[in-house]
């Protein structure tokens, strides 16, 4: 019987540890990603230089004055389209979390998907990671890109970041979309279970990347070798994304996520909001997602019959599009 608060899958393993654990090789990680993602993998496209690569929106570095440099993927969308900022979950990236939704959302919206602090190509800092700093990074990024007010869409850990963006920079947010998230993550997982869950996954990441963060010189050489071979398939690219994470900052992201609690002010949200509720979620309970929706006046709920890895399923794009459409209509 697992300890109280420790989430398990079949066989009693911590959720997340089945995807990445100690001594995993690239081949094993690729196979686990294949199982976790399910469904058809995105196809490859041919670059102008003749190389094949996974279909993924173009990304670029963005300098945030006084803070550092981050990375954002972008789909331009139709002229004058509203901007949706997609905020990924823990141990994901803008590309990994939202690859199923880019094409659908890009038909109607200007889409931005940044990598958050410590994740993939996201901003690096010696400061302890705080979700509030992630929200402030986004505010500066939106200023640099000149987007005007946006719809902030947060998945799992990205949900609290979206909430904080509205709380700290309300003039930059005219709508919110939440998926697989809540207002009190410690109530959702149990703080002890959350920490165990994340640290189990982080232990595997550190070993997979040969202690990339702990041994900077060796890590730099490994990273150069990893980048020398440009991934030709989606799964190769996904493994390469995991290699980019900063392990120290991931640990701190886990800790700050465990402490997040917006229950004292979430009822003050005054912008149109939609919640895509993952009804089979074993990591962020459906009742916690429902409570988030109930706390926000006028929030709409769209049910998605999937678990916490819903973002990896082909069925994910349509409910996200419906939620963004709903918020955009009410915000206009």
Protein backbone atom coordinates (compact mmCIF):
# COMPACT_ATOMS: atom_id res chain seq x y z
CA UNK A 1 0.00 0.00 0.00
CA UNK A 2 1.58 3.33 -1.01
CA UNK A 3 2.08 6.03 1.61
CA UNK A 4 -0.72 8.55 1.91
CA UNK A 5 -0.34 11.35 -0.60
CA UNK A 6 1.94 9.41 -2.98
CA UNK A 7 0.21 9.05 -6.33
CA UNK A 8 0.70 5.72 -8.06
CA UNK A 9 -0.05 4.05 -11.35
CA UNK A 10 -0.55 0.32 -11.87
CA UNK A 11 2.12 -1.60 -10.03
CA UNK A 12 2.47 1.05 -7.31
CA UNK A 13 5.14 3.16 -9.04
CA UNK A 14 5.05 6.93 -8.54
CA UNK A 15 3.34 8.69 -11.41
CA UNK A 16 6.12 10.13 -13.54
CA UNK A 17 8.71 7.58 -12.47
CA UNK A 18 7.37 5.19 -15.10
CA UNK A 19 8.31 7.76 -17.73
CA UNK A 20 11.78 8.69 -16.46
CA UNK A 21 13.76 6.89 -13.76
CA UNK A 22 17.31 5.98 -12.78
CA UNK A 23 19.66 4.44 -15.37
CA UNK A 24 17.26 5.02 -18.27
CA UNK A 25 18.92 5.13 -21.69
CA UNK A 26 17.88 7.33 -24.59
CA UNK A 27 16.33 4.29 -26.28
CA UNK A 28 14.36 3.39 -23.15
CA UNK A 29 13.26 7.00 -22.65
CA UNK A 30 12.14 7.14 -26.28
CA UNK A 31 10.04 4.01 -25.81
CA UNK A 32 8.49 5.35 -22.60
CA UNK A 33 7.66 8.60 -24.32
CA UNK A 34 6.07 6.64 -27.14
CA UNK A 35 3.84 4.80 -24.65
CA UNK A 36 3.01 7.95 -22.68
CA UNK A 37 2.17 10.03 -25.73
CA UNK A 38 0.04 7.41 -27.46
CA UNK A 39 -1.78 8.01 -30.72
CA UNK A 40 -0.16 9.01 -33.96
CA UNK A 41 3.15 10.85 -33.71
CA UNK A 42 3.42 14.19 -35.51
CA UNK A 43 5.00 13.82 -38.94
CA UNK A 44 8.27 15.34 -40.12
CA UNK A 45 8.68 18.27 -42.49
CA UNK A 46 11.58 19.20 -44.77
CA UNK A 47 13.59 22.33 -44.05
CA UNK A 48 14.75 24.66 -46.86
CA UNK A 49 18.23 23.23 -46.32
CA UNK A 50 16.92 19.73 -47.06
CA UNK A 51 17.00 18.38 -43.49
CA UNK A 52 14.00 16.64 -42.00
CA UNK A 53 12.70 17.72 -38.59
CA UNK A 54 9.55 17.27 -36.49
CA UNK A 55 6.69 19.63 -37.28
CA UNK A 56 6.93 22.38 -34.69
CA UNK A 57 6.30 26.14 -34.84
CA UNK A 58 9.38 28.27 -35.32
CA UNK A 59 10.99 29.33 -32.06
CA UNK A 60 13.22 32.28 -31.22
CA UNK A 61 15.21 33.72 -28.36
CA UNK A 62 13.73 36.79 -26.69
CA UNK A 63 15.84 39.07 -24.49
CA UNK A 64 14.05 40.14 -21.32
CA UNK A 65 15.86 43.31 -20.15
CA UNK A 66 17.26 42.94 -16.66
CA UNK A 67 16.20 39.30 -16.43
CA UNK A 68 17.86 37.16 -19.09
CA UNK A 69 16.93 35.37 -22.29
CA UNK A 70 14.02 33.05 -22.86
CA UNK A 71 12.68 31.05 -25.80
CA UNK A 72 9.24 31.17 -27.35
CA UNK A 73 7.56 29.24 -30.15
CA UNK A 74 5.13 31.24 -32.26
CA UNK A 75 2.29 30.70 -34.73
CA UNK A 76 1.33 34.00 -36.35
CA UNK A 77 -2.32 33.13 -36.99
CA UNK A 78 -4.68 35.29 -39.08
CA UNK A 79 -4.00 39.04 -39.27
CA UNK A 80 -5.36 40.80 -36.18
CA UNK A 81 -6.10 37.53 -34.37
CA UNK A 82 -6.20 37.56 -30.54
CA UNK A 83 -3.04 36.33 -28.83
CA UNK A 84 -3.06 33.15 -26.75
CA UNK A 85 -0.05 32.47 -24.50
CA UNK A 86 0.33 28.75 -23.78
CA UNK A 87 2.00 27.96 -20.43
CA UNK A 88 3.35 24.47 -20.02
CA UNK A 89 3.44 22.11 -17.06
CA UNK A 90 6.30 20.86 -14.91
CA UNK A 91 9.13 19.08 -16.75
CA UNK A 92 7.62 19.95 -20.12
CA UNK A 93 8.37 22.81 -22.52
CA UNK A 94 6.32 25.02 -24.77
CA UNK A 95 6.76 22.53 -27.58
CA UNK A 96 6.31 19.33 -25.58
CA UNK A 97 3.16 20.45 -23.79
CA UNK A 98 1.33 22.02 -26.71
CA UNK A 99 2.42 20.17 -29.87
CA UNK A 100 -1.08 18.72 -30.35
CA UNK A 101 -2.73 22.16 -30.19
CA UNK A 102 -0.52 24.42 -32.29
CA UNK A 103 -2.12 23.70 -35.65
CA UNK A 104 -5.75 24.02 -34.50
CA UNK A 105 -5.18 27.14 -32.39
CA UNK A 106 -3.02 28.75 -35.07
CA UNK A 107 -5.93 28.81 -37.51
CA UNK A 108 -7.77 31.33 -35.32
CA UNK A 109 -5.23 32.80 -32.89
CA UNK A 110 -1.78 34.30 -32.67
CA UNK A 111 -0.08 31.67 -30.51
CA UNK A 112 2.94 32.06 -28.21
CA UNK A 113 4.38 29.11 -26.26
CA UNK A 114 7.35 30.13 -24.09
CA UNK A 115 9.64 27.83 -22.14
CA UNK A 116 9.33 28.74 -18.45
CA UNK A 117 12.30 29.25 -16.14
CA UNK A 118 14.64 26.28 -15.96
CA UNK A 119 12.70 24.28 -18.53
CA UNK A 120 14.21 23.44 -21.93
CA UNK A 121 15.54 26.74 -23.37
CA UNK A 122 13.83 28.89 -20.74
CA UNK A 123 15.53 31.63 -18.76
CA UNK A 124 18.40 30.60 -16.46
CA UNK A 125 19.07 32.35 -13.17
CA UNK A 126 21.00 31.77 -9.96
CA UNK A 127 17.95 32.98 -8.02
CA UNK A 128 15.60 30.47 -6.45
CA UNK A 129 12.75 29.74 -8.83
CA UNK A 130 9.42 31.31 -7.91
CA UNK A 131 6.22 31.06 -9.90
CA UNK A 132 5.82 34.80 -9.39
CA UNK A 133 9.10 35.34 -11.26
CA UNK A 134 7.78 33.16 -14.11
CA UNK A 135 4.71 35.43 -14.29
CA UNK A 136 6.91 38.54 -14.26
CA UNK A 137 9.07 37.05 -17.03
CA UNK A 138 5.94 36.67 -19.13
CA UNK A 139 4.87 40.27 -18.54
CA UNK A 140 8.25 41.52 -19.78
CA UNK A 141 8.12 39.12 -22.74
CA UNK A 142 4.69 40.42 -23.77
CA UNK A 143 6.02 43.98 -23.58
CA UNK A 144 9.00 43.04 -25.75
CA UNK A 145 6.77 41.37 -28.32
CA UNK A 146 4.17 44.15 -28.24
CA UNK A 147 1.20 41.79 -28.05
CA UNK A 148 -1.20 43.84 -25.95
CA UNK A 149 -3.54 41.96 -23.58
CA UNK A 150 -3.60 38.19 -24.08
CA UNK A 151 -5.52 35.05 -23.22
CA UNK A 152 -3.27 33.13 -20.80
CA UNK A 153 -3.76 29.36 -21.02
CA UNK A 154 -2.09 27.29 -18.29
CA UNK A 155 -1.66 23.51 -18.08
CA UNK A 156 -0.89 21.88 -14.71
CA UNK A 157 1.97 24.04 -13.26
CA UNK A 158 1.23 26.56 -16.01
CA UNK A 159 -2.18 27.16 -14.40
CA UNK A 160 -0.72 28.84 -11.29
CA UNK A 161 1.62 30.87 -13.53
CA UNK A 162 -1.39 32.09 -15.53
CA UNK A 163 -3.22 32.95 -12.31
CA UNK A 164 -0.22 34.93 -11.08
CA UNK A 165 0.13 36.73 -14.41
CA UNK A 166 -3.45 37.95 -14.00
CA UNK A 167 -2.89 38.77 -10.31
CA UNK A 168 0.37 40.69 -10.75
CA UNK A 169 -0.19 42.15 -14.24
CA UNK A 170 -3.96 42.37 -14.80
CA UNK A 171 -3.61 44.90 -17.60
CA UNK A 172 -1.88 42.24 -19.72
CA UNK A 173 -4.59 39.55 -19.38
CA UNK A 174 -8.07 39.71 -20.88
CA UNK A 175 -8.95 36.03 -20.47
CA UNK A 176 -7.85 32.78 -18.82
CA UNK A 177 -7.97 29.13 -19.86
CA UNK A 178 -7.02 26.37 -17.43
CA UNK A 179 -6.45 22.66 -18.03
CA UNK A 180 -5.48 19.89 -15.60
CA UNK A 181 -4.76 22.41 -12.84
CA UNK A 182 -6.17 23.89 -9.64
CA UNK A 183 -5.83 26.73 -7.14
CA UNK A 184 -4.16 24.70 -4.35
CA UNK A 185 -1.67 22.19 -5.64
CA UNK A 186 -0.80 21.00 -2.14
CA UNK A 187 -4.44 20.03 -1.64
CA UNK A 188 -4.45 18.33 -5.00
CA UNK A 189 -1.44 16.08 -4.47
CA UNK A 190 -0.56 16.38 -0.80
CA UNK A 191 2.73 18.23 -0.27
CA UNK A 192 4.68 15.11 0.69
CA UNK A 193 3.35 13.19 -2.30
CA UNK A 194 4.08 16.06 -4.66
CA UNK A 195 7.69 16.32 -3.50
CA UNK A 196 8.19 12.55 -3.73
CA UNK A 197 6.67 12.53 -7.19
CA UNK A 198 8.84 15.31 -8.54
CA UNK A 199 12.08 14.19 -6.92
CA UNK A 200 11.60 10.65 -8.23
CA UNK A 201 11.31 12.05 -11.75
CA UNK A 202 14.20 14.49 -11.23
CA UNK A 203 16.49 11.72 -10.08
CA UNK A 204 15.94 9.98 -13.39
CA UNK A 205 16.44 13.17 -15.38
CA UNK A 206 19.77 13.85 -13.67
CA UNK A 207 21.01 10.36 -14.50
CA UNK A 208 19.65 10.49 -18.06
CA UNK A 209 21.59 13.68 -18.71
CA UNK A 210 24.74 12.41 -16.95
CA UNK A 211 24.37 15.00 -14.20
CA UNK A 212 24.15 17.83 -16.75
CA UNK A 213 23.46 20.51 -14.15
CA UNK A 214 25.76 19.16 -11.42
CA UNK A 215 28.92 19.04 -13.57
CA UNK A 216 28.87 22.18 -15.73
CA UNK A 217 31.95 21.45 -17.86
CA UNK A 218 30.97 17.88 -18.64
CA UNK A 219 27.39 19.01 -19.14
CA UNK A 220 28.41 21.58 -21.72
CA UNK A 221 30.27 18.92 -23.71
CA UNK A 222 27.29 16.57 -23.52
CA UNK A 223 24.94 19.30 -24.65
CA UNK A 224 27.14 20.16 -27.62
CA UNK A 225 27.19 16.49 -28.64
CA UNK A 226 23.41 16.23 -28.22
CA UNK A 227 22.90 19.23 -30.48
CA UNK A 228 25.39 18.05 -33.10
CA UNK A 229 22.78 15.57 -34.30
CA UNK A 230 19.61 17.39 -35.27
CA UNK A 231 16.57 15.28 -34.30
CA UNK A 232 14.78 13.92 -37.36
CA UNK A 233 11.73 12.49 -35.58
CA UNK A 234 9.34 13.81 -32.97
CA UNK A 235 10.50 11.31 -30.35
CA UNK A 236 14.17 12.17 -30.90
CA UNK A 237 13.26 15.82 -30.51
CA UNK A 238 11.27 15.11 -27.32
CA UNK A 239 14.24 13.32 -25.73
CA UNK A 240 16.46 16.27 -26.70
CA UNK A 241 14.00 18.64 -24.99
CA UNK A 242 14.34 16.69 -21.74
CA UNK A 243 18.13 17.00 -21.98
CA UNK A 244 17.85 20.80 -21.95
CA UNK A 245 16.21 21.09 -18.52
CA UNK A 246 18.18 22.66 -15.65
CA UNK A 247 17.85 20.08 -12.87
CA UNK A 248 18.39 22.52 -9.98
CA UNK A 249 15.72 24.83 -11.30
CA UNK A 250 13.34 21.90 -11.81
CA UNK A 251 13.70 20.96 -8.15
CA UNK A 252 12.93 24.53 -7.15
CA UNK A 253 9.97 24.64 -9.54
CA UNK A 254 8.59 21.55 -7.81
CA UNK A 255 8.95 23.15 -4.39
CA UNK A 256 7.35 26.45 -5.34
CA UNK A 257 4.50 24.60 -7.08
CA UNK A 258 3.88 22.57 -3.94
CA UNK A 259 3.47 25.78 -1.93
CA UNK A 260 1.16 27.53 -4.41
CA UNK A 261 -2.22 28.55 -3.04
CA UNK A 262 -4.50 31.08 -4.71
CA UNK A 263 -7.63 30.15 -2.76
CA UNK A 264 -7.50 33.45 -0.87
CA UNK A 265 -7.86 35.54 -4.03
CA UNK A 266 -8.94 33.35 -6.96
CA UNK A 267 -12.55 34.56 -6.56
CA UNK A 268 -11.36 38.03 -7.54
CA UNK A 269 -10.67 36.94 -11.13
CA UNK A 270 -12.73 39.28 -13.29
CA UNK A 271 -11.88 38.14 -16.83
CA UNK A 272 -13.63 35.49 -18.92
CA UNK A 273 -12.38 32.05 -17.92
CA UNK A 274 -12.78 28.51 -19.22
CA UNK A 275 -11.62 25.31 -17.54
CA UNK A 276 -10.83 22.18 -19.57
CA UNK A 277 -11.35 19.50 -16.92
CA UNK A 278 -9.46 16.23 -17.37
CA UNK A 279 -12.04 13.85 -15.92
CA UNK A 280 -9.74 10.83 -15.52
CA UNK A 281 -6.83 12.78 -14.04
CA UNK A 282 -5.05 10.91 -11.24
CA UNK A 283 -2.53 13.67 -10.63
CA UNK A 284 -4.74 16.77 -10.45
CA UNK A 285 -8.06 15.47 -9.18
CA UNK A 286 -11.14 16.38 -11.24
CA UNK A 287 -12.91 17.70 -8.12
CA UNK A 288 -10.02 20.13 -7.51
CA UNK A 289 -10.32 21.32 -11.11
CA UNK A 290 -14.06 21.70 -10.67
CA UNK A 291 -13.53 23.74 -7.49
CA UNK A 292 -11.24 26.08 -9.43
CA UNK A 293 -14.00 26.67 -11.98
CA UNK A 294 -16.63 27.15 -9.26
CA UNK A 295 -14.49 29.81 -7.56
CA UNK A 296 -14.38 32.03 -10.67
CA UNK A 297 -17.59 33.83 -11.53
CA UNK A 298 -18.94 32.81 -14.92
CA UNK A 299 -16.23 30.23 -15.64
CA UNK A 300 -17.21 27.68 -18.26
CA UNK A 301 -16.24 24.01 -17.93
CA UNK A 302 -15.37 21.77 -20.87
CA UNK A 303 -14.91 18.11 -19.95
CA UNK A 304 -12.15 16.06 -21.56
CA UNK A 305 -12.25 12.32 -20.94
CA UNK A 306 -8.53 11.88 -20.36
CA UNK A 307 -5.86 11.76 -17.68
CA UNK A 308 -3.04 14.12 -16.81
CA UNK A 309 -1.22 13.37 -20.08
CA UNK A 310 -4.23 14.65 -22.04
CA UNK A 311 -2.03 17.22 -23.78
CA UNK A 312 -0.24 14.41 -25.60
CA UNK A 313 -3.43 12.94 -27.10
CA UNK A 314 -4.84 13.82 -30.53
CA UNK A 315 -8.18 14.58 -28.81
CA UNK A 316 -6.62 17.48 -26.87
CA UNK A 317 -6.69 20.15 -29.57
CA UNK A 318 -10.45 20.49 -30.02
CA UNK A 319 -11.46 21.21 -26.39
CA UNK A 320 -8.57 23.68 -26.07
CA UNK A 321 -9.77 25.44 -29.21
CA UNK A 322 -13.33 25.54 -27.84
CA UNK A 323 -12.12 26.99 -24.53
CA UNK A 324 -10.03 29.69 -26.24
CA UNK A 325 -12.90 30.54 -28.58
CA UNK A 326 -15.28 30.90 -25.63
CA UNK A 327 -12.94 33.18 -23.72
CA UNK A 328 -12.11 35.24 -26.80
CA UNK A 329 -15.80 35.74 -27.62
CA UNK A 330 -16.63 36.89 -24.11
CA UNK A 331 -13.55 39.12 -23.88
CA UNK A 332 -14.25 40.99 -27.12
